[in-house]
Protein backbone atom coordinates (compact mmCIF):
# COMPACT_ATOMS: atom_id res chain seq x y z
CA UNK A 1 100.82 97.44 66.43
CA UNK A 2 102.86 100.28 65.00
CA UNK A 3 102.19 99.01 61.47
CA UNK A 4 98.42 98.90 62.03
CA UNK A 5 97.91 102.14 63.88
CA UNK A 6 98.12 105.06 61.45
CA UNK A 7 96.68 107.74 63.73
CA UNK A 8 99.72 108.07 65.98
CA UNK A 9 103.35 108.86 65.32
CA UNK A 10 105.72 111.75 64.76
CA UNK A 11 103.00 113.95 63.25
CA UNK A 12 100.50 113.41 66.05
CA UNK A 13 100.17 114.82 69.58
CA UNK A 14 101.79 113.08 72.50
CA UNK A 15 99.60 110.85 74.65
CA UNK A 16 100.87 112.20 77.96
CA UNK A 17 99.91 115.48 79.66
CA UNK A 18 101.54 118.86 79.35
CA UNK A 19 103.90 119.44 82.26
CA UNK A 20 102.32 122.20 84.35
CA UNK A 21 101.93 122.95 88.05
CA UNK A 22 98.72 120.89 87.98
CA UNK A 23 100.69 117.92 86.63
CA UNK A 24 103.04 117.99 89.63
CA UNK A 25 100.21 118.46 92.14
CA UNK A 26 98.41 115.40 90.80
CA UNK A 27 101.66 113.45 90.51
CA UNK A 28 102.52 113.94 94.19
CA UNK A 29 98.94 113.08 95.22
CA UNK A 30 99.04 109.96 93.01
CA UNK A 31 102.34 108.77 94.47
CA UNK A 32 101.01 109.33 97.99
CA UNK A 33 97.90 107.37 97.07
CA UNK A 34 100.09 104.60 95.70
CA UNK A 35 101.75 104.25 99.11
CA UNK A 36 98.54 104.24 101.17
CA UNK A 37 96.64 102.01 98.71
CA UNK A 38 99.53 99.57 98.40
CA UNK A 39 99.83 99.34 102.19
CA UNK A 40 96.05 98.93 102.47
CA UNK A 41 96.17 95.78 100.38
CA UNK A 42 99.43 94.25 101.60
CA UNK A 43 99.10 95.20 105.29
CA UNK A 44 95.54 96.16 106.26
CA UNK A 45 94.00 93.36 104.19
CA UNK A 46 96.86 91.05 105.20
CA UNK A 47 97.41 89.83 101.62
CA UNK A 48 101.17 90.29 101.93
CA UNK A 49 103.62 91.89 99.57
CA UNK A 50 103.72 89.05 97.02
CA UNK A 51 99.97 88.77 96.48
CA UNK A 52 99.67 92.54 96.53
CA UNK A 53 102.34 92.81 93.86
CA UNK A 54 100.64 90.19 91.68
CA UNK A 55 97.27 91.95 92.02
CA UNK A 56 98.58 95.43 91.25
CA UNK A 57 100.89 94.18 88.48
CA UNK A 58 97.86 92.70 86.73
CA UNK A 59 95.91 95.95 87.08
CA UNK A 60 98.96 97.89 85.92
CA UNK A 61 99.30 95.69 82.83
CA UNK A 62 95.65 96.26 81.93
CA UNK A 63 95.96 100.03 82.41
CA UNK A 64 99.14 100.29 80.34
CA UNK A 65 97.61 98.21 77.54
CA UNK A 66 94.56 100.49 77.49
CA UNK A 67 96.77 103.58 77.48
CA UNK A 68 98.81 102.31 74.54
CA UNK A 69 95.67 101.28 72.64
CA UNK A 70 94.09 104.72 73.09
CA UNK A 71 94.14 106.97 70.04
CA UNK A 72 94.86 110.19 71.93
CA UNK A 73 95.59 111.60 75.37
CA UNK A 74 92.85 110.89 77.92
CA UNK A 75 93.53 112.48 81.35
CA UNK A 76 91.49 109.96 83.34
CA UNK A 77 93.11 106.98 81.63
CA UNK A 78 96.59 108.44 81.96
CA UNK A 79 96.31 109.14 85.68
CA UNK A 80 94.67 105.78 86.31
CA UNK A 81 97.75 104.21 84.75
CA UNK A 82 100.06 106.37 86.87
CA UNK A 83 98.22 105.29 90.02
CA UNK A 84 98.42 101.65 88.91
CA UNK A 85 102.19 101.89 88.45
CA UNK A 86 102.75 103.57 91.79
CA UNK A 87 100.67 101.06 93.77
CA UNK A 88 102.43 98.18 92.00
CA UNK A 89 105.76 99.90 92.68
CA UNK A 90 104.93 100.16 96.38
CA UNK A 91 104.22 96.47 96.90
CA UNK A 92 107.03 95.37 94.58
CA UNK A 93 109.60 97.49 96.40
CA UNK A 94 108.39 96.26 99.79
CA UNK A 95 108.50 92.65 98.58
CA UNK A 96 112.04 93.08 97.22
CA UNK A 97 113.53 94.99 100.13
CA UNK A 98 111.74 93.20 102.96
CA UNK A 99 110.55 89.75 101.89
CA UNK A 100 113.57 88.99 99.68
CA UNK A 101 115.94 90.69 102.09
CA UNK A 102 117.70 92.91 99.54
CA UNK A 103 117.44 95.83 101.92
CA UNK A 104 116.65 99.47 101.27
CA UNK A 105 120.15 100.44 100.14
CA UNK A 106 120.59 97.43 97.86
CA UNK A 107 117.09 97.76 96.44
CA UNK A 108 117.51 101.48 95.78
CA UNK A 109 120.85 101.00 94.01
CA UNK A 110 119.53 98.14 91.89
CA UNK A 111 116.39 100.02 90.88
CA UNK A 112 118.36 103.19 90.12
CA UNK A 113 120.61 101.17 87.79
CA UNK A 114 117.56 99.67 86.05
CA UNK A 115 115.96 103.10 85.73
CA UNK A 116 119.07 104.65 84.19
CA UNK A 117 119.46 101.67 81.86
CA UNK A 118 115.87 102.10 80.72
CA UNK A 119 116.37 105.80 79.97
CA UNK A 120 119.65 105.12 78.16
CA UNK A 121 118.15 102.34 76.04
CA UNK A 122 115.14 104.50 75.24
CA UNK A 123 117.37 107.40 74.15
CA UNK A 124 119.64 105.21 72.03
CA UNK A 125 116.67 103.52 70.38
CA UNK A 126 114.45 106.52 69.63
CA UNK A 127 116.84 109.47 69.98
CA UNK A 128 114.91 111.29 72.71
CA UNK A 129 113.32 110.67 76.10
CA UNK A 130 111.24 113.85 76.00
CA UNK A 131 107.61 113.34 77.03
CA UNK A 132 106.59 115.27 73.93
CA UNK A 133 107.72 112.32 71.78
CA UNK A 134 105.53 109.76 73.55
CA UNK A 135 103.07 109.23 70.70
CA UNK A 136 103.99 105.79 69.33
CA UNK A 137 103.58 102.34 70.92
CA UNK A 138 107.36 101.84 71.11
CA UNK A 139 107.89 105.18 72.86
CA UNK A 140 105.01 104.44 75.23
CA UNK A 141 106.47 101.09 76.19
CA UNK A 142 109.78 102.74 77.07
CA UNK A 143 107.89 105.50 78.91
CA UNK A 144 105.87 103.14 81.10
CA UNK A 145 108.77 100.78 81.80
CA UNK A 146 110.82 103.79 82.92
CA UNK A 147 107.96 105.03 85.08
CA UNK A 148 107.53 101.59 86.64
CA UNK A 149 111.19 101.55 87.65
CA UNK A 150 110.95 105.11 89.02
CA UNK A 151 107.83 104.31 91.05
CA UNK A 152 109.44 101.22 92.57
CA UNK A 153 112.70 103.07 93.24
CA UNK A 154 110.78 105.84 94.99
CA UNK A 155 109.31 103.50 97.59
CA UNK A 156 112.67 101.90 98.39
CA UNK A 157 114.42 105.28 98.48
CA UNK A 158 111.76 106.80 100.71
CA UNK A 159 111.97 103.89 103.16
CA UNK A 160 115.75 104.10 103.12
CA UNK A 161 115.87 107.78 104.08
CA UNK A 162 112.99 107.59 106.57
CA UNK A 163 114.04 104.38 108.34
CA UNK A 164 117.63 103.31 107.68
CA UNK A 165 119.08 106.83 107.36
CA UNK A 166 117.06 108.06 110.34
CA UNK A 167 115.48 111.14 108.74
CA UNK A 168 111.97 110.08 109.71
CA UNK A 169 108.92 110.77 107.58
CA UNK A 170 108.82 114.54 108.00
CA UNK A 171 112.59 114.87 107.70
CA UNK A 172 112.56 112.83 104.50
CA UNK A 173 109.67 114.88 103.12
CA UNK A 174 111.67 118.05 103.76
CA UNK A 175 114.76 116.51 102.13
CA UNK A 176 112.95 115.54 98.94
CA UNK A 177 111.01 118.80 98.96
CA UNK A 178 114.28 120.76 99.05
CA UNK A 179 115.70 118.68 96.20
CA UNK A 180 112.59 119.36 94.13
CA UNK A 181 112.86 123.07 94.96
CA UNK A 182 116.46 123.00 93.72
CA UNK A 183 115.31 121.42 90.47
CA UNK A 184 112.62 124.10 90.08
CA UNK A 185 115.24 126.78 90.65
CA UNK A 186 117.49 125.16 88.06
CA UNK A 187 114.57 125.17 85.62
CA UNK A 188 114.04 128.92 85.97
CA UNK A 189 117.64 130.06 86.41
CA UNK A 190 119.77 127.75 84.24
CA UNK A 191 119.87 126.28 80.76
CA UNK A 192 120.12 122.67 81.95
CA UNK A 193 118.20 120.28 79.71
CA UNK A 194 114.45 120.52 80.45
CA UNK A 195 114.13 116.81 79.73
CA UNK A 196 116.82 115.98 82.30
CA UNK A 197 115.18 118.22 84.90
CA UNK A 198 111.76 116.69 84.19
CA UNK A 199 112.94 113.15 84.82
CA UNK A 200 114.85 114.20 87.94
CA UNK A 201 111.71 115.83 89.32
CA UNK A 202 109.51 112.95 88.22
CA UNK A 203 111.73 110.46 90.04
CA UNK A 204 111.96 112.54 93.24
CA UNK A 205 108.20 113.09 93.55
CA UNK A 206 107.81 109.35 94.15
CA UNK A 207 109.86 109.09 97.37
CA UNK A 208 108.22 112.34 98.49
CA UNK A 209 104.80 110.74 98.05
CA UNK A 210 106.03 107.55 99.71
CA UNK A 211 107.16 109.26 102.93
CA UNK A 212 104.07 111.49 103.03
CA UNK A 213 101.89 108.39 102.64
CA UNK A 214 103.78 106.64 105.43
CA UNK A 215 103.46 109.72 107.62
CA UNK A 216 99.69 109.64 107.17
CA UNK A 217 99.09 105.98 108.00
CA UNK A 218 101.97 104.71 110.13
CA UNK A 219 101.50 104.32 113.94
CA UNK A 220 102.28 107.18 116.33
CA UNK A 221 105.23 105.31 117.83
CA UNK A 222 106.77 105.15 114.34
CA UNK A 223 106.33 108.88 113.75
CA UNK A 224 103.11 108.71 111.77
CA UNK A 225 99.60 110.10 112.23
CA UNK A 226 98.02 106.62 112.25
CA UNK A 227 95.16 107.63 109.97
CA UNK A 228 93.03 104.97 108.31
CA UNK A 229 94.75 103.72 105.16
CA UNK A 230 91.37 103.29 103.53
CA UNK A 231 90.24 106.77 104.50
CA UNK A 232 93.48 108.41 103.37
CA UNK A 233 93.39 106.52 100.07
CA UNK A 234 89.77 107.54 99.42
CA UNK A 235 90.48 111.20 100.22
CA UNK A 236 93.48 111.23 97.86
CA UNK A 237 91.50 109.49 95.13
CA UNK A 238 88.69 112.04 95.41
CA UNK A 239 91.20 114.90 95.32
CA UNK A 240 92.85 113.53 92.17
CA UNK A 241 89.46 112.95 90.55
CA UNK A 242 88.40 116.52 91.33
CA UNK A 243 91.62 117.92 89.83
CA UNK A 244 91.10 115.92 86.64
CA UNK A 245 87.43 116.90 86.28
CA UNK A 246 87.74 120.58 87.23
CA UNK A 247 90.99 121.59 85.56
CA UNK A 248 91.49 120.83 81.85
CA UNK A 249 94.72 119.18 80.73
CA UNK A 250 96.29 119.15 77.29
CA UNK A 251 98.64 116.73 75.65
CA UNK A 252 102.33 117.57 75.85
CA UNK A 253 103.68 119.59 72.96
CA UNK A 254 106.18 118.13 70.52
CA UNK A 255 109.79 119.20 71.22
CA UNK A 256 111.13 121.80 68.80
């Protein structure tokens, strides 16, 4: 593919969005949607975690293929792919930790190791994991594999803190919110690598979205609001769509 496509590469814009406040707003909404939509299919529709994972993995594969085949950054396509990875990550994490019996702690540790291995391999292969370099098929493959691991890790980590660690949904949301605030402070007050801070924030927004999604749709006796999973998913989808349509987004700039 890289040999055929001559319109993408080092001299062309990245195919992922510029990292702005809008990016993080949509990212949190997308990860929350991934939790409610994943639960809608596996639980409300009673398809189970395995069938849900197969369904969303297929949709995720189609979305990633379309994203890689695209000639430039398309906001709607990009965020569709993000949503596909986060819904697939939800059902995959639930299948691994619950159906296979790995457990939240074991699943989180395994997925964290896979995520770090993906980032390390990506860096050693291409020399950078900056989003501004995601303009070639090889870089995009690394990018989406890394994201898939982070989305799956987020679900397991969110369940771990909310259930096993006893923080509850709101307590876990506050925990991850404080960690994200610390990263934002480090961005403005330190010289820590912006790429490192980006990936730390990107990873932590997923468990934040996971516990917020659970808070919205879980029963009252489990600490949730017991809202309709379908209704919550539709509201989040409409919100994301409005953000994409109303506010323009640009491709990420190349690193200097």
